[in-house]
Amino acid sequence: MPIKIPAELPAFDVLKKEGVMVMSEHQASHQDIRPLRIGLLNLMPKKIQTENQFARLIGATPLQIELSLIRMSDHHTKNTTAKHMESFYRPFSEVFASGEKFDGLVITGAPIEHLDFEDVDYWGEIQTVFDWTQTHVHSTFGVCWGGMAMLKHFYGIQKKMLETKAFGCFRHRNLVPSSQYLRGFSDDCVIPVSRWTEILQRDLDEKNDLVTLLGSNEVGPCLVEDKKNRAIYIFNHLEYDSDTLRQEYDRDLASGRDPEFPENYFPNDDPTKAPLNRWRSHGHLLYGNWINEIYQTTYYDLRVIGS
């Protein structure tokens, strides 16, 4: 939670420049309390695993969160039961028609990196989602393919195919320590990576509204703030469980492929040993900071969002 102190106190500006959460008396007096409405547009085939990963991070703050699960309207998964989908998910077409608004929306990744964006069967609808966020969502969080797709839609930035899969745990540098999204972050941190594509830093640098917050010498930019569209994009996976990369590696081995070995993941690169989770705290920090930023800047009256 933010610390509430008078705006005139010298500590207010000092703490704010250091990235510490602060709220003035004026802000506090004009903000009523209500649950934050967060939507999760889940594009992953293993819906339940993904729900757990994001709900764990989103729900870890002291704030009350109302989480809504959303799916693409005409795209169905074989990895999750129809009963689960019917019980807990709403198609985006229904959400769109209702006119309801959200304080925040997470758009997950999707295992479709090998396809051009225009060849994805729900590309038309997800472009509608991106445009809809501008009038119905206060802050959007695009993850992996979801973030790359938003950059393509809003800025025309193309993802680039890698010669080999970026797979494992890689160190990332904190490039903007004063960012509200990086409060409490170390100067560098370990983040799981699992992708066949990348976004080039030079393409981001050409856009004035995009700021790279986390980056790696090995796997490139990771976390990008999009001030114009009230969004942040992360291309890697702070939401992953300790064994998520192991599951991917074992799955590909079992299928007869010759998969990339996950770098810096197993102790001493020994797959018989249980991997150590070295990113959990930073995952909680990032999503907690995002929720806090929404809390401090969103409107009490949801109808005002996007106006």
Protein backbone atom coordinates (compact mmCIF):
# COMPACT_ATOMS: atom_id res chain seq x y z
CA MET A 1 0.00 0.00 0.00
CA PRO A 2 1.20 3.58 -0.59
CA ILE A 3 2.32 5.75 2.27
CA LYS A 4 0.01 8.75 2.74
CA ILE A 5 1.90 11.94 3.62
CA PRO A 6 1.32 15.66 2.92
CA ALA A 7 2.41 16.68 -0.58
CA GLU A 8 4.24 19.68 0.88
CA LEU A 9 6.51 17.53 3.05
CA PRO A 10 10.04 17.38 1.55
CA ALA A 11 10.01 13.60 1.93
CA PHE A 12 7.14 13.40 -0.56
CA ASP A 13 9.26 14.43 -3.55
CA VAL A 14 12.33 12.55 -2.32
CA LEU A 15 10.46 9.28 -1.92
CA LYS A 16 8.61 9.73 -5.18
CA LYS A 17 11.87 10.19 -7.11
CA GLU A 18 13.21 7.02 -5.47
CA GLY A 19 10.18 5.09 -6.66
CA VAL A 20 8.58 4.69 -3.21
CA MET A 21 4.78 4.54 -3.20
CA VAL A 22 3.36 7.80 -1.87
CA MET A 23 -0.14 9.28 -1.89
CA SER A 24 -1.02 12.85 -0.97
CA GLU A 25 -3.83 13.83 1.38
CA HIS A 26 -5.63 15.32 -1.62
CA GLN A 27 -5.45 12.05 -3.56
CA ALA A 28 -6.53 10.00 -0.58
CA SER A 29 -9.50 12.25 0.23
CA HIS A 30 -10.84 11.95 -3.31
CA GLN A 31 -10.58 8.18 -3.65
CA ASP A 32 -13.34 5.95 -2.38
CA ILE A 33 -12.80 2.25 -1.89
CA ARG A 34 -14.28 -0.38 -4.20
CA PRO A 35 -13.00 -3.67 -5.64
CA LEU A 36 -10.70 -3.31 -8.62
CA ARG A 37 -12.09 -5.03 -11.71
CA ILE A 38 -9.32 -6.96 -13.46
CA GLY A 39 -9.92 -9.03 -16.59
CA LEU A 40 -7.77 -11.95 -17.72
CA LEU A 41 -7.95 -12.63 -21.47
CA ASN A 42 -6.51 -16.14 -21.41
CA LEU A 43 -5.04 -17.23 -24.75
CA MET A 44 -3.06 -20.18 -23.39
CA PRO A 45 -4.24 -23.77 -24.03
CA LYS A 46 -3.77 -24.85 -20.39
CA LYS A 47 -6.32 -22.42 -19.01
CA ILE A 48 -6.33 -23.55 -15.39
CA GLN A 49 -2.54 -23.46 -15.01
CA THR A 50 -2.46 -19.97 -16.47
CA GLU A 51 -5.35 -18.80 -14.29
CA ASN A 52 -3.51 -19.96 -11.19
CA GLN A 53 -0.27 -18.27 -12.18
CA PHE A 54 -1.80 -14.86 -12.77
CA ALA A 55 -4.38 -14.99 -9.98
CA ARG A 56 -1.58 -15.76 -7.51
CA LEU A 57 0.21 -12.55 -8.42
CA ILE A 58 -2.82 -10.32 -8.93
CA GLY A 59 -4.40 -11.40 -5.68
CA ALA A 60 -1.34 -10.96 -3.47
CA THR A 61 -1.94 -7.27 -2.64
CA PRO A 62 -4.07 -5.97 0.27
CA LEU A 63 -6.59 -4.64 -2.24
CA GLN A 64 -9.82 -6.39 -3.14
CA ILE A 65 -9.70 -7.67 -6.71
CA GLU A 66 -12.62 -8.85 -8.83
CA LEU A 67 -11.13 -11.14 -11.48
CA SER A 68 -13.06 -11.83 -14.69
CA LEU A 69 -11.98 -14.63 -17.03
CA ILE A 70 -12.37 -13.91 -20.75
CA ARG A 71 -11.76 -16.01 -23.88
CA MET A 72 -11.77 -15.34 -27.59
CA SER A 73 -15.28 -15.82 -28.91
CA ASP A 74 -14.79 -18.46 -31.61
CA HIS A 75 -11.53 -20.07 -30.54
CA HIS A 76 -11.85 -23.22 -28.45
CA THR A 77 -9.25 -25.20 -26.52
CA LYS A 78 -8.84 -28.96 -26.32
CA ASN A 79 -6.75 -28.76 -23.13
CA THR A 80 -9.50 -27.52 -20.80
CA THR A 81 -12.91 -29.09 -20.25
CA ALA A 82 -15.96 -27.51 -21.81
CA LYS A 83 -17.59 -27.47 -18.36
CA HIS A 84 -14.78 -25.34 -16.94
CA MET A 85 -14.95 -22.92 -19.86
CA GLU A 86 -18.73 -22.63 -19.68
CA SER A 87 -18.69 -22.17 -15.91
CA PHE A 88 -15.96 -19.56 -15.56
CA TYR A 89 -15.27 -17.86 -18.90
CA ARG A 90 -17.16 -15.38 -21.00
CA PRO A 91 -16.46 -14.83 -24.70
CA PHE A 92 -15.11 -11.40 -25.52
CA SER A 93 -18.11 -10.75 -27.78
CA GLU A 94 -20.35 -10.93 -24.70
CA VAL A 95 -18.09 -8.61 -22.71
CA PHE A 96 -17.96 -6.19 -25.64
CA ALA A 97 -21.74 -6.16 -26.04
CA SER A 98 -22.28 -5.53 -22.32
CA GLY A 99 -20.36 -2.24 -22.42
CA GLU A 100 -18.74 -2.99 -19.07
CA LYS A 101 -15.39 -1.48 -18.14
CA PHE A 102 -12.31 -2.71 -16.29
CA ASP A 103 -9.61 -1.14 -14.17
CA GLY A 104 -7.06 -3.56 -15.60
CA LEU A 105 -6.75 -6.25 -18.25
CA VAL A 106 -4.07 -8.93 -18.64
CA ILE A 107 -3.68 -10.40 -22.14
CA THR A 108 -1.65 -13.61 -21.91
CA GLY A 109 0.79 -15.15 -24.32
CA ALA A 110 -0.19 -17.81 -26.86
CA PRO A 111 1.77 -20.71 -28.45
CA ILE A 112 1.40 -19.31 -31.97
CA GLU A 113 4.70 -17.50 -32.40
CA HIS A 114 5.49 -19.30 -35.67
CA LEU A 115 2.47 -17.67 -37.33
CA ASP A 116 2.39 -14.19 -38.79
CA PHE A 117 -0.01 -12.07 -36.79
CA GLU A 118 -2.42 -11.84 -39.72
CA ASP A 119 -2.53 -15.65 -40.00
CA VAL A 120 -3.82 -16.16 -36.44
CA ASP A 121 -7.45 -17.24 -36.69
CA TYR A 122 -8.62 -14.70 -34.10
CA TRP A 123 -6.42 -11.79 -35.24
CA GLY A 124 -9.39 -9.70 -36.30
CA GLU A 125 -11.14 -10.11 -32.97
CA ILE A 126 -8.06 -9.47 -30.87
CA GLN A 127 -7.46 -6.24 -32.81
CA THR A 128 -10.96 -5.29 -31.70
CA VAL A 129 -9.88 -6.12 -28.14
CA PHE A 130 -6.87 -3.80 -28.43
CA ASP A 131 -9.02 -0.92 -29.68
CA TRP A 132 -11.66 -1.64 -27.02
CA THR A 133 -9.04 -1.27 -24.26
CA GLN A 134 -8.65 2.39 -25.19
CA THR A 135 -12.23 3.15 -24.15
CA HIS A 136 -13.04 0.39 -21.65
CA VAL A 137 -9.82 -0.45 -19.75
CA HIS A 138 -7.75 1.83 -17.54
CA SER A 139 -4.48 -0.15 -17.82
CA THR A 140 -3.56 -3.14 -19.99
CA PHE A 141 -0.78 -5.68 -19.36
CA GLY A 142 0.30 -7.61 -22.48
CA VAL A 143 2.35 -10.75 -21.79
CA CYS A 144 4.74 -12.39 -24.29
CA TRP A 145 2.78 -12.88 -27.56
CA GLY A 146 0.02 -10.66 -26.15
CA GLY A 147 2.48 -7.80 -25.67
CA MET A 148 4.12 -8.32 -29.06
CA ALA A 149 0.70 -8.34 -30.73
CA MET A 150 -0.22 -5.05 -29.08
CA LEU A 151 3.03 -3.49 -30.33
CA LYS A 152 2.21 -4.71 -33.82
CA HIS A 153 -1.31 -3.28 -33.65
CA PHE A 154 -0.52 0.11 -32.13
CA TYR A 155 2.94 0.77 -33.58
CA GLY A 156 3.46 -1.59 -36.51
CA ILE A 157 6.44 -3.22 -34.75
CA GLN A 158 7.09 -6.73 -36.07
CA LYS A 159 8.33 -9.64 -33.98
CA LYS A 160 11.50 -11.31 -35.28
CA MET A 161 12.07 -15.06 -35.44
CA LEU A 162 15.08 -16.40 -33.50
CA GLU A 163 17.43 -19.00 -34.93
CA THR A 164 17.20 -20.97 -31.69
CA LYS A 165 14.63 -20.80 -28.93
CA ALA A 166 15.35 -18.40 -26.06
CA PHE A 167 14.77 -20.83 -23.24
CA GLY A 168 15.86 -20.74 -19.60
CA CYS A 169 16.47 -18.20 -16.86
CA PHE A 170 18.32 -15.03 -17.84
CA ARG A 171 19.56 -12.02 -15.92
CA HIS A 172 17.84 -8.72 -16.72
CA ARG A 173 19.00 -5.20 -15.88
CA ASN A 174 16.80 -2.65 -14.15
CA LEU A 175 17.02 0.22 -16.65
CA VAL A 176 14.64 2.69 -14.95
CA PRO A 177 14.85 2.21 -11.16
CA SER A 178 12.52 5.17 -10.56
CA SER A 179 9.69 3.57 -12.56
CA GLN A 180 6.50 3.02 -10.59
CA TYR A 181 6.45 -0.53 -11.98
CA LEU A 182 9.92 -1.39 -10.62
CA ARG A 183 9.55 -0.33 -7.00
CA GLY A 184 11.56 -2.71 -4.84
CA PHE A 185 13.38 -4.29 -7.80
CA SER A 186 17.05 -5.21 -7.57
CA ASP A 187 19.57 -3.73 -9.99
CA ASP A 188 19.24 -6.98 -11.88
CA CYS A 189 17.00 -10.01 -11.59
CA VAL A 190 16.47 -13.49 -13.06
CA ILE A 191 13.44 -14.00 -15.32
CA PRO A 192 12.26 -17.19 -17.09
CA VAL A 193 12.19 -16.97 -20.88
CA SER A 194 10.49 -19.29 -23.37
CA ARG A 195 9.98 -17.93 -26.88
CA TRP A 196 10.99 -18.29 -30.52
CA THR A 197 10.59 -14.59 -31.30
CA GLU A 198 11.91 -11.26 -30.09
CA ILE A 199 11.27 -7.54 -30.28
CA LEU A 200 14.30 -5.49 -31.30
CA GLN A 201 15.34 -2.64 -29.06
CA ARG A 202 16.05 -0.39 -32.04
CA ASP A 203 12.42 -0.71 -33.13
CA LEU A 204 11.26 0.35 -29.66
CA ASP A 205 13.70 3.27 -29.61
CA GLU A 206 12.05 4.74 -32.70
CA LYS A 207 8.79 5.27 -30.79
CA ASN A 208 8.74 8.18 -28.33
CA ASP A 209 5.92 6.71 -26.25
CA LEU A 210 7.74 3.43 -25.52
CA VAL A 211 10.23 3.08 -22.65
CA THR A 212 12.15 -0.15 -21.97
CA LEU A 213 12.22 -0.80 -18.21
CA LEU A 214 13.93 -4.22 -18.07
CA GLY A 215 16.37 -5.64 -20.58
CA SER A 216 18.91 -8.42 -21.03
CA ASN A 217 22.19 -8.54 -22.93
CA GLU A 218 21.34 -12.11 -23.92
CA VAL A 219 17.62 -12.04 -24.77
CA GLY A 220 16.91 -8.36 -25.40
CA PRO A 221 14.16 -6.07 -24.09
CA CYS A 222 11.77 -7.57 -21.57
CA LEU A 223 9.45 -5.00 -19.98
CA VAL A 224 8.20 -1.98 -21.91
CA GLU A 225 5.96 0.86 -20.80
CA ASP A 226 3.54 2.30 -23.37
CA LYS A 227 2.41 5.62 -21.93
CA LYS A 228 0.27 6.58 -24.90
CA ASN A 229 -1.94 3.50 -24.66
CA ARG A 230 -1.85 3.12 -20.85
CA ALA A 231 -0.17 -0.28 -21.17
CA ILE A 232 2.89 -2.29 -20.23
CA TYR A 233 4.30 -5.27 -22.14
CA ILE A 234 6.46 -8.09 -20.83
CA PHE A 235 7.95 -10.61 -23.25
CA ASN A 236 9.15 -13.05 -20.58
CA HIS A 237 7.47 -14.91 -17.74
CA LEU A 238 7.63 -13.76 -14.14
CA GLU A 239 4.31 -15.54 -13.62
CA TYR A 240 5.82 -19.00 -14.26
CA ASP A 241 5.74 -21.70 -11.60
CA SER A 242 9.01 -23.27 -10.51
CA ASP A 243 8.48 -26.28 -12.79
CA THR A 244 6.93 -24.62 -15.87
CA LEU A 245 10.15 -24.70 -17.92
CA ARG A 246 10.72 -28.30 -16.82
CA GLN A 247 7.25 -29.23 -18.06
CA GLU A 248 7.97 -27.64 -21.45
CA TYR A 249 11.34 -29.40 -21.71
CA ASP A 250 9.94 -32.81 -20.68
CA ARG A 251 6.99 -32.41 -23.06
CA ASP A 252 9.26 -31.75 -26.02
CA LEU A 253 11.57 -34.63 -25.07
CA ALA A 254 8.62 -37.00 -24.83
CA SER A 255 7.41 -35.93 -28.28
CA GLY A 256 10.69 -37.06 -29.83
CA ARG A 257 12.04 -33.58 -30.48
CA ASP A 258 15.55 -32.40 -29.69
CA PRO A 259 14.60 -29.37 -27.57
CA GLU A 260 16.82 -26.56 -26.40
CA PHE A 261 18.15 -27.21 -22.90
CA PRO A 262 16.87 -24.54 -20.46
CA GLU A 263 19.84 -22.32 -19.62
CA ASN A 264 20.63 -21.43 -16.00
CA TYR A 265 17.57 -23.32 -14.79
CA PHE A 266 18.51 -26.69 -13.28
CA PRO A 267 21.14 -26.64 -10.50
CA ASN A 268 24.49 -27.38 -12.17
CA ASP A 269 22.53 -28.00 -15.39
CA ASP A 270 21.42 -31.34 -13.96
CA PRO A 271 17.83 -32.08 -15.02
CA THR A 272 17.50 -34.68 -12.28
CA LYS A 273 17.62 -31.88 -9.70
CA ALA A 274 14.66 -29.70 -8.82
CA PRO A 275 14.99 -26.16 -10.23
CA LEU A 276 15.20 -23.28 -7.77
CA ASN A 277 12.70 -20.45 -8.15
CA ARG A 278 14.77 -17.24 -8.32
CA TRP A 279 12.10 -14.94 -9.75
CA ARG A 280 9.08 -15.33 -7.47
CA SER A 281 9.68 -12.18 -5.41
CA HIS A 282 10.13 -10.00 -8.49
CA GLY A 283 6.96 -11.43 -10.00
CA HIS A 284 5.02 -10.35 -6.94
CA LEU A 285 6.69 -6.96 -7.02
CA LEU A 286 5.87 -6.29 -10.67
CA TYR A 287 2.22 -7.30 -10.53
CA GLY A 288 1.78 -5.69 -7.12
CA ASN A 289 3.21 -2.46 -8.49
CA TRP A 290 0.89 -2.63 -11.50
CA ILE A 291 -2.15 -3.17 -9.28
CA ASN A 292 -1.05 -0.33 -7.01
CA GLU A 293 -0.61 2.02 -9.97
CA ILE A 294 -4.12 1.15 -11.12
CA TYR A 295 -5.46 1.74 -7.62
CA GLN A 296 -3.88 5.17 -7.40
CA THR A 297 -4.93 6.39 -10.83
CA THR A 298 -8.22 4.70 -11.74
CA TYR A 299 -11.67 6.26 -11.26
CA TYR A 300 -14.16 5.33 -8.59
CA ASP A 301 -16.91 5.55 -11.21
CA LEU A 302 -16.11 2.85 -13.75
CA ARG A 303 -18.19 4.65 -16.35
CA VAL A 304 -15.55 7.39 -16.54
CA ILE A 305 -12.80 4.98 -17.65
CA GLY A 306 -11.74 5.71 -21.21
CA SER A 307 -13.68 8.96 -21.45
